[in-house]
Amino acid sequence: MLDLARQLHEWAQEGREFAVATVVAVGGSAPRPPGAALAVSADGTAIGSVSGGCVEGAVYDLCLQALQDGETLVERFGYSDEDAFAVGLTCGGTIDVMVSPFDADGAVEPAALSAAAHGEPVALARVVRGPADLLGRSVLVRPDGTHEGGLGGHRDLDRTAIAQAHALLDAGRTGTVDLSASEARRGSPGRSPGEARTARAVSPCSSSRPPPRPA
């Protein structure tokens, strides 16, 4: 999404409403990597791409839907052997796309967008899979360890996501962290043996690598 940051920051400054679709996971052969994004404004203007053309129309419609109902959702797109002409990826892989309306009144998204547009090093950790009440929750982490936002009021969940996002920011790369269902619901650390992981915090928005720390 970093390649769209400057344009989206301008949209935000102008008070335009828009939704952003971001690739949050890929499987097999996929046309674009995690972090690729498509943004659609309320007047129908679109910038960016999540698939190089394969599913842009369907994702465009999801962005308009998100602007209407204000909800965040994650949709999976893949190739269908039964109907090759249906909406899908002809490359044979799958992509998970998170679609969410931009929250101009929130504390996290405007700050993250402004930082990215100005080349400031930050990380944005977001829940991209898990309980519906946590989906899309985000926390912004800065190089000095300060942060804004939260992942649904779970203190330990926030602490884990912030620590992982800070580590990724320090390393100058993007990554994901899988957390247990119980941790997502209660904020308790750890994962019981064999328990399915259902919540994922992702830090896809580090705008640049911070300066190296003195030895």
C-alpha atoms as a PDB file:
ATOM      1  CA  MET A   1       0.000   0.000   0.000  1.00  0.00           C
ATOM      2  CA  LEU A   2       3.009   2.280   0.327  1.00  0.00           C
ATOM      3  CA  ASP A   3       2.910   3.176  -3.360  1.00  0.00           C
ATOM      4  CA  LEU A   4      -0.575   4.641  -2.783  1.00  0.00           C
ATOM      5  CA  ALA A   5       0.220   6.451   0.452  1.00  0.00           C
ATOM      6  CA  ARG A   6       0.829   9.902  -0.988  1.00  0.00           C
ATOM      7  CA  GLN A   7      -2.336   9.876  -3.095  1.00  0.00           C
ATOM      8  CA  LEU A   8      -4.445   8.497  -0.253  1.00  0.00           C
ATOM      9  CA  HIS A   9      -3.030  11.099   2.122  1.00  0.00           C
ATOM     10  CA  GLU A  10      -4.185  13.772  -0.323  1.00  0.00           C
ATOM     11  CA  TRP A  11      -7.626  12.183  -0.450  1.00  0.00           C
ATOM     12  CA  ALA A  12      -7.778  12.212   3.347  1.00  0.00           C
ATOM     13  CA  GLN A  13      -6.679  15.846   3.477  1.00  0.00           C
ATOM     14  CA  GLU A  14      -9.432  16.706   1.004  1.00  0.00           C
ATOM     15  CA  GLY A  15     -12.011  14.945   3.162  1.00  0.00           C
ATOM     16  CA  ARG A  16     -12.809  12.328   0.524  1.00  0.00           C
ATOM     17  CA  GLU A  17     -14.314   9.039   1.652  1.00  0.00           C
ATOM     18  CA  PHE A  18     -12.606   5.908   0.381  1.00  0.00           C
ATOM     19  CA  ALA A  19     -12.077   2.223   1.065  1.00  0.00           C
ATOM     20  CA  VAL A  20      -8.859   0.257   0.724  1.00  0.00           C
ATOM     21  CA  ALA A  21      -8.501  -3.372  -0.336  1.00  0.00           C
ATOM     22  CA  THR A  22      -5.191  -4.947   0.689  1.00  0.00           C
ATOM     23  CA  VAL A  23      -3.735  -8.357  -0.123  1.00  0.00           C
ATOM     24  CA  VAL A  24      -3.087  -9.920   3.290  1.00  0.00           C
ATOM     25  CA  ALA A  25      -2.194 -13.501   2.278  1.00  0.00           C
ATOM     26  CA  VAL A  26      -1.353 -15.457  -0.864  1.00  0.00           C
ATOM     27  CA  GLY A  27      -1.318 -19.143  -1.710  1.00  0.00           C
ATOM     28  CA  GLY A  28       0.436 -20.784  -4.641  1.00  0.00           C
ATOM     29  CA  SER A  29       1.069 -18.594  -7.660  1.00  0.00           C
ATOM     30  CA  ALA A  30      -0.369 -15.114  -7.150  1.00  0.00           C
ATOM     31  CA  PRO A  31       0.021 -12.036  -9.362  1.00  0.00           C
ATOM     32  CA  ARG A  32       0.795  -9.586  -6.539  1.00  0.00           C
ATOM     33  CA  PRO A  33       2.341 -10.021  -3.074  1.00  0.00           C
ATOM     34  CA  PRO A  34       0.912  -9.241   0.379  1.00  0.00           C
ATOM     35  CA  GLY A  35       0.641  -5.492   0.827  1.00  0.00           C
ATOM     36  CA  ALA A  36      -0.586  -4.803  -2.703  1.00  0.00           C
ATOM     37  CA  ALA A  37      -3.603  -2.520  -2.518  1.00  0.00           C
ATOM     38  CA  LEU A  38      -6.511  -1.057  -4.449  1.00  0.00           C
ATOM     39  CA  ALA A  39      -8.318   2.055  -3.188  1.00  0.00           C
ATOM     40  CA  VAL A  40     -11.724   3.279  -4.325  1.00  0.00           C
ATOM     41  CA  SER A  41     -13.203   6.668  -3.439  1.00  0.00           C
ATOM     42  CA  ALA A  42     -16.886   7.379  -2.928  1.00  0.00           C
ATOM     43  CA  ASP A  43     -17.096   8.965  -6.388  1.00  0.00           C
ATOM     44  CA  GLY A  44     -15.840   5.734  -7.981  1.00  0.00           C
ATOM     45  CA  THR A  45     -12.218   6.744  -8.621  1.00  0.00           C
ATOM     46  CA  ALA A  46      -9.856   3.785  -8.253  1.00  0.00           C
ATOM     47  CA  ILE A  47      -6.074   3.615  -7.852  1.00  0.00           C
ATOM     48  CA  GLY A  48      -3.725   0.666  -7.363  1.00  0.00           C
ATOM     49  CA  SER A  49      -4.203  -3.043  -7.984  1.00  0.00           C
ATOM     50  CA  VAL A  50      -4.519  -6.256  -5.976  1.00  0.00           C
ATOM     51  CA  SER A  51      -4.262  -8.774  -8.820  1.00  0.00           C
ATOM     52  CA  GLY A  52      -3.040  -7.127 -11.980  1.00  0.00           C
ATOM     53  CA  GLY A  53      -6.555  -7.356 -13.435  1.00  0.00           C
ATOM     54  CA  CYS A  54      -7.848 -10.835 -12.523  1.00  0.00           C
ATOM     55  CA  VAL A  55     -10.287  -9.853  -9.774  1.00  0.00           C
ATOM     56  CA  GLU A  56     -10.160  -6.056  -9.808  1.00  0.00           C
ATOM     57  CA  GLY A  57     -13.833  -5.711 -10.713  1.00  0.00           C
ATOM     58  CA  ALA A  58     -15.027  -7.852  -7.815  1.00  0.00           C
ATOM     59  CA  VAL A  59     -12.718  -6.094  -5.345  1.00  0.00           C
ATOM     60  CA  TYR A  60     -13.846  -2.709  -6.664  1.00  0.00           C
ATOM     61  CA  ASP A  61     -17.443  -3.662  -5.861  1.00  0.00           C
ATOM     62  CA  LEU A  62     -16.418  -4.814  -2.370  1.00  0.00           C
ATOM     63  CA  CYS A  63     -14.820  -1.427  -1.745  1.00  0.00           C
ATOM     64  CA  LEU A  64     -18.045   0.338  -2.707  1.00  0.00           C
ATOM     65  CA  GLN A  65     -19.940  -2.040  -0.425  1.00  0.00           C
ATOM     66  CA  ALA A  66     -17.582  -1.245   2.458  1.00  0.00           C
ATOM     67  CA  LEU A  67     -18.195   2.462   1.919  1.00  0.00           C
ATOM     68  CA  GLN A  68     -21.945   1.872   2.149  1.00  0.00           C
ATOM     69  CA  ASP A  69     -22.087  -0.377   5.216  1.00  0.00           C
ATOM     70  CA  GLY A  70     -18.904   0.715   7.011  1.00  0.00           C
ATOM     71  CA  GLU A  71     -17.841  -2.886   7.618  1.00  0.00           C
ATOM     72  CA  THR A  72     -14.440  -4.551   7.225  1.00  0.00           C
ATOM     73  CA  LEU A  73     -14.341  -7.924   5.494  1.00  0.00           C
ATOM     74  CA  VAL A  74     -11.839 -10.443   4.144  1.00  0.00           C
ATOM     75  CA  GLU A  75     -12.562 -12.237   0.866  1.00  0.00           C
ATOM     76  CA  ARG A  76     -10.624 -15.100  -0.715  1.00  0.00           C
ATOM     77  CA  PHE A  77     -10.214 -15.301  -4.480  1.00  0.00           C
ATOM     78  CA  GLY A  78      -8.928 -18.341  -6.366  1.00  0.00           C
ATOM     79  CA  TYR A  79      -9.153 -20.252  -9.610  1.00  0.00           C
ATOM     80  CA  SER A  80     -12.214 -22.456 -10.160  1.00  0.00           C
ATOM     81  CA  ASP A  81     -11.842 -25.586 -12.324  1.00  0.00           C
ATOM     82  CA  GLU A  82     -15.626 -25.798 -12.621  1.00  0.00           C
ATOM     83  CA  ASP A  83     -15.982 -22.350 -14.126  1.00  0.00           C
ATOM     84  CA  ALA A  84     -12.845 -20.779 -15.502  1.00  0.00           C
ATOM     85  CA  PHE A  85     -14.835 -17.724 -16.551  1.00  0.00           C
ATOM     86  CA  ALA A  86     -16.050 -16.982 -13.035  1.00  0.00           C
ATOM     87  CA  VAL A  87     -14.298 -14.420 -10.865  1.00  0.00           C
ATOM     88  CA  GLY A  88     -10.977 -16.020 -10.001  1.00  0.00           C
ATOM     89  CA  LEU A  89      -7.244 -16.069 -10.497  1.00  0.00           C
ATOM     90  CA  THR A  90      -6.228 -17.613 -13.795  1.00  0.00           C
ATOM     91  CA  CYS A  91      -2.707 -18.098 -12.413  1.00  0.00           C
ATOM     92  CA  GLY A  92      -4.033 -20.924 -10.225  1.00  0.00           C
ATOM     93  CA  GLY A  93      -3.217 -19.408  -6.830  1.00  0.00           C
ATOM     94  CA  THR A  94      -5.323 -17.755  -4.141  1.00  0.00           C
ATOM     95  CA  ILE A  95      -5.273 -14.353  -2.487  1.00  0.00           C
ATOM     96  CA  ASP A  96      -6.978 -13.126   0.669  1.00  0.00           C
ATOM     97  CA  VAL A  97      -8.034  -9.497   0.403  1.00  0.00           C
ATOM     98  CA  MET A  98      -9.037  -7.309   3.334  1.00  0.00           C
ATOM     99  CA  VAL A  99     -11.438  -4.504   2.423  1.00  0.00           C
ATOM    100  CA  SER A 100     -12.086  -1.705   4.888  1.00  0.00           C
ATOM    101  CA  PRO A 101     -13.383   1.874   4.776  1.00  0.00           C
ATOM    102  CA  PHE A 102     -10.859   4.535   5.755  1.00  0.00           C
ATOM    103  CA  ASP A 103     -11.607   5.885   9.234  1.00  0.00           C
ATOM    104  CA  ALA A 104     -10.883   9.598   8.929  1.00  0.00           C
ATOM    105  CA  ASP A 105     -11.929  10.206  12.538  1.00  0.00           C
ATOM    106  CA  GLY A 106      -9.797   7.439  14.044  1.00  0.00           C
ATOM    107  CA  ALA A 107      -6.452   7.865  15.761  1.00  0.00           C
ATOM    108  CA  VAL A 108      -4.571   5.115  13.922  1.00  0.00           C
ATOM    109  CA  GLU A 109      -5.291   5.148  10.195  1.00  0.00           C
ATOM    110  CA  PRO A 110      -4.782   8.891   9.514  1.00  0.00           C
ATOM    111  CA  ALA A 111      -1.528   8.833  11.507  1.00  0.00           C
ATOM    112  CA  ALA A 112      -0.275   5.733   9.676  1.00  0.00           C
ATOM    113  CA  LEU A 113      -1.159   7.201   6.286  1.00  0.00           C
ATOM    114  CA  SER A 114       0.502  10.514   7.078  1.00  0.00           C
ATOM    115  CA  ALA A 115       3.672   8.779   8.275  1.00  0.00           C
ATOM    116  CA  ALA A 116       3.835   6.579   5.180  1.00  0.00           C
ATOM    117  CA  ALA A 117       3.252   9.549   2.856  1.00  0.00           C
ATOM    118  CA  HIS A 118       6.110  11.470   4.501  1.00  0.00           C
ATOM    119  CA  GLY A 119       8.532   8.534   4.589  1.00  0.00           C
ATOM    120  CA  GLU A 120       8.493   8.159   8.368  1.00  0.00           C
ATOM    121  CA  PRO A 121       9.251   4.651   9.726  1.00  0.00           C
ATOM    122  CA  VAL A 122       6.155   3.142  11.343  1.00  0.00           C
ATOM    123  CA  ALA A 123       4.460  -0.247  11.493  1.00  0.00           C
ATOM    124  CA  LEU A 124       0.717  -0.859  11.357  1.00  0.00           C
ATOM    125  CA  ALA A 125      -0.417  -4.134  12.951  1.00  0.00           C
ATOM    126  CA  ARG A 126      -3.915  -5.246  11.939  1.00  0.00           C
ATOM    127  CA  VAL A 127      -6.072  -8.264  12.688  1.00  0.00           C
ATOM    128  CA  VAL A 128      -6.760  -9.862   9.312  1.00  0.00           C
ATOM    129  CA  ARG A 129      -8.228 -13.192  10.423  1.00  0.00           C
ATOM    130  CA  GLY A 130     -10.241 -14.139  13.484  1.00  0.00           C
ATOM    131  CA  PRO A 131     -13.361 -13.169  15.449  1.00  0.00           C
ATOM    132  CA  ALA A 132     -15.590 -10.680  13.666  1.00  0.00           C
ATOM    133  CA  ASP A 133     -15.340  -8.149  16.495  1.00  0.00           C
ATOM    134  CA  LEU A 134     -11.535  -8.027  16.111  1.00  0.00           C
ATOM    135  CA  LEU A 135     -11.291  -8.012  12.315  1.00  0.00           C
ATOM    136  CA  GLY A 136      -9.622  -4.840  11.081  1.00  0.00           C
ATOM    137  CA  ARG A 137      -8.574  -3.643  14.529  1.00  0.00           C
ATOM    138  CA  SER A 138      -5.189  -1.946  14.328  1.00  0.00           C
ATOM    139  CA  VAL A 139      -2.333  -0.494  16.332  1.00  0.00           C
ATOM    140  CA  LEU A 140       0.350   1.890  15.075  1.00  0.00           C
ATOM    141  CA  VAL A 141       3.897   1.341  16.364  1.00  0.00           C
ATOM    142  CA  ARG A 142       6.749   3.845  16.098  1.00  0.00           C
ATOM    143  CA  PRO A 143      10.525   3.213  16.309  1.00  0.00           C
ATOM    144  CA  ASP A 144      10.712   4.675  19.828  1.00  0.00           C
ATOM    145  CA  GLY A 145       8.181   2.105  21.066  1.00  0.00           C
ATOM    146  CA  THR A 146       5.238   4.478  21.378  1.00  0.00           C
ATOM    147  CA  HIS A 147       1.984   3.268  19.911  1.00  0.00           C
ATOM    148  CA  GLU A 148      -1.599   4.264  19.175  1.00  0.00           C
ATOM    149  CA  GLY A 149      -4.772   2.220  18.914  1.00  0.00           C
ATOM    150  CA  GLY A 150      -5.432  -1.357  19.994  1.00  0.00           C
ATOM    151  CA  LEU A 151      -6.731  -4.753  18.916  1.00  0.00           C
ATOM    152  CA  GLY A 152     -10.030  -4.857  20.732  1.00  0.00           C
ATOM    153  CA  GLY A 153      -9.235  -4.106  24.366  1.00  0.00           C
ATOM    154  CA  HIS A 154      -7.184  -7.268  25.057  1.00  0.00           C
ATOM    155  CA  ARG A 155      -4.089  -6.061  26.867  1.00  0.00           C
ATOM    156  CA  ASP A 156      -1.915  -9.133  26.263  1.00  0.00           C
ATOM    157  CA  LEU A 157      -2.993  -9.364  22.640  1.00  0.00           C
ATOM    158  CA  ASP A 158      -1.987  -5.728  22.169  1.00  0.00           C
ATOM    159  CA  ARG A 159       1.322  -6.316  23.943  1.00  0.00           C
ATOM    160  CA  THR A 160       2.192  -9.262  21.701  1.00  0.00           C
ATOM    161  CA  ALA A 161       1.230  -7.468  18.495  1.00  0.00           C
ATOM    162  CA  ILE A 162       3.134  -4.318  19.482  1.00  0.00           C
ATOM    163  CA  ALA A 163       6.287  -6.258  20.337  1.00  0.00           C
ATOM    164  CA  GLN A 164       6.188  -8.226  17.083  1.00  0.00           C
ATOM    165  CA  ALA A 165       5.446  -5.135  14.993  1.00  0.00           C
ATOM    166  CA  HIS A 166       8.299  -3.254  16.636  1.00  0.00           C
ATOM    167  CA  ALA A 167      10.691  -6.123  15.899  1.00  0.00           C
ATOM    168  CA  LEU A 168       9.633  -6.198  12.246  1.00  0.00           C
ATOM    169  CA  LEU A 169       9.945  -2.428  11.994  1.00  0.00           C
ATOM    170  CA  ASP A 170      13.429  -2.584  13.479  1.00  0.00           C
ATOM    171  CA  ALA A 171      14.347  -5.235  10.904  1.00  0.00           C
ATOM    172  CA  GLY A 172      12.781  -3.232   8.080  1.00  0.00           C
ATOM    173  CA  ARG A 173      10.458  -5.959   6.834  1.00  0.00           C
ATOM    174  CA  THR A 174       6.830  -7.109   6.785  1.00  0.00           C
ATOM    175  CA  GLY A 175       5.510 -10.241   8.488  1.00  0.00           C
ATOM    176  CA  THR A 176       2.592 -11.962  10.163  1.00  0.00           C
ATOM    177  CA  VAL A 177       1.981 -13.308  13.668  1.00  0.00           C
ATOM    178  CA  ASP A 178      -0.507 -16.099  14.373  1.00  0.00           C
ATOM    179  CA  LEU A 179      -2.213 -15.999  17.769  1.00  0.00           C
ATOM    180  CA  SER A 180      -4.553 -18.515  19.373  1.00  0.00           C
ATOM    181  CA  ALA A 181      -8.327 -18.229  19.482  1.00  0.00           C
ATOM    182  CA  SER A 182      -8.269 -18.074  23.282  1.00  0.00           C
ATOM    183  CA  GLU A 183      -5.695 -15.305  23.196  1.00  0.00           C
ATOM    184  CA  ALA A 184      -7.853 -13.319  20.802  1.00  0.00           C
ATOM    185  CA  ARG A 185     -10.946 -13.742  22.998  1.00  0.00           C
ATOM    186  CA  ARG A 186      -9.423 -13.278  26.427  1.00  0.00           C
ATOM    187  CA  GLY A 187      -6.099 -11.577  25.800  1.00  0.00           C
ATOM    188  CA  SER A 188      -4.308 -14.454  27.543  1.00  0.00           C
ATOM    189  CA  PRO A 189      -0.824 -15.399  26.324  1.00  0.00           C
ATOM    190  CA  GLY A 190       0.164 -18.771  24.951  1.00  0.00           C
ATOM    191  CA  ARG A 191      -1.514 -21.456  22.881  1.00  0.00           C
ATOM    192  CA  SER A 192      -2.819 -24.792  24.034  1.00  0.00           C
ATOM    193  CA  PRO A 193      -1.378 -27.837  22.222  1.00  0.00           C
ATOM    194  CA  GLY A 194      -3.434 -28.603  19.141  1.00  0.00           C
ATOM    195  CA  GLU A 195      -5.532 -25.444  19.394  1.00  0.00           C
ATOM    196  CA  ALA A 196      -6.311 -23.904  16.014  1.00  0.00           C
ATOM    197  CA  ARG A 197      -4.849 -20.502  15.335  1.00  0.00           C
ATOM    198  CA  THR A 198      -7.597 -18.155  14.237  1.00  0.00           C
ATOM    199  CA  ALA A 199      -6.368 -14.597  14.697  1.00  0.00           C
ATOM    200  CA  ARG A 200      -3.547 -13.004  12.784  1.00  0.00           C
ATOM    201  CA  ALA A 201      -1.903  -9.673  13.411  1.00  0.00           C
ATOM    202  CA  VAL A 202      -0.103  -8.267  10.391  1.00  0.00           C
ATOM    203  CA  SER A 203       2.293  -5.340  10.076  1.00  0.00           C
ATOM    204  CA  PRO A 204       2.091  -4.422   6.388  1.00  0.00           C
ATOM    205  CA  CYS A 205       2.746  -0.714   6.590  1.00  0.00           C
ATOM    206  CA  SER A 206       6.331   0.043   7.594  1.00  0.00           C
ATOM    207  CA  SER A 207       7.170   2.986   5.383  1.00  0.00           C
ATOM    208  CA  SER A 208      10.938   2.795   5.626  1.00  0.00           C
ATOM    209  CA  ARG A 209      13.642   1.225   7.690  1.00  0.00           C
ATOM    210  CA  PRO A 210      14.690   3.279  10.740  1.00  0.00           C
ATOM    211  CA  PRO A 211      18.347   4.257  11.190  1.00  0.00           C
ATOM    212  CA  PRO A 212      20.602   1.536  12.661  1.00  0.00           C
ATOM    213  CA  ARG A 213      21.015   1.610  16.407  1.00  0.00           C
ATOM    214  CA  PRO A 214      24.474   2.500  17.744  1.00  0.00           C
ATOM    215  CA  ALA A 215      26.613  -0.535  18.583  1.00  0.00           C
END
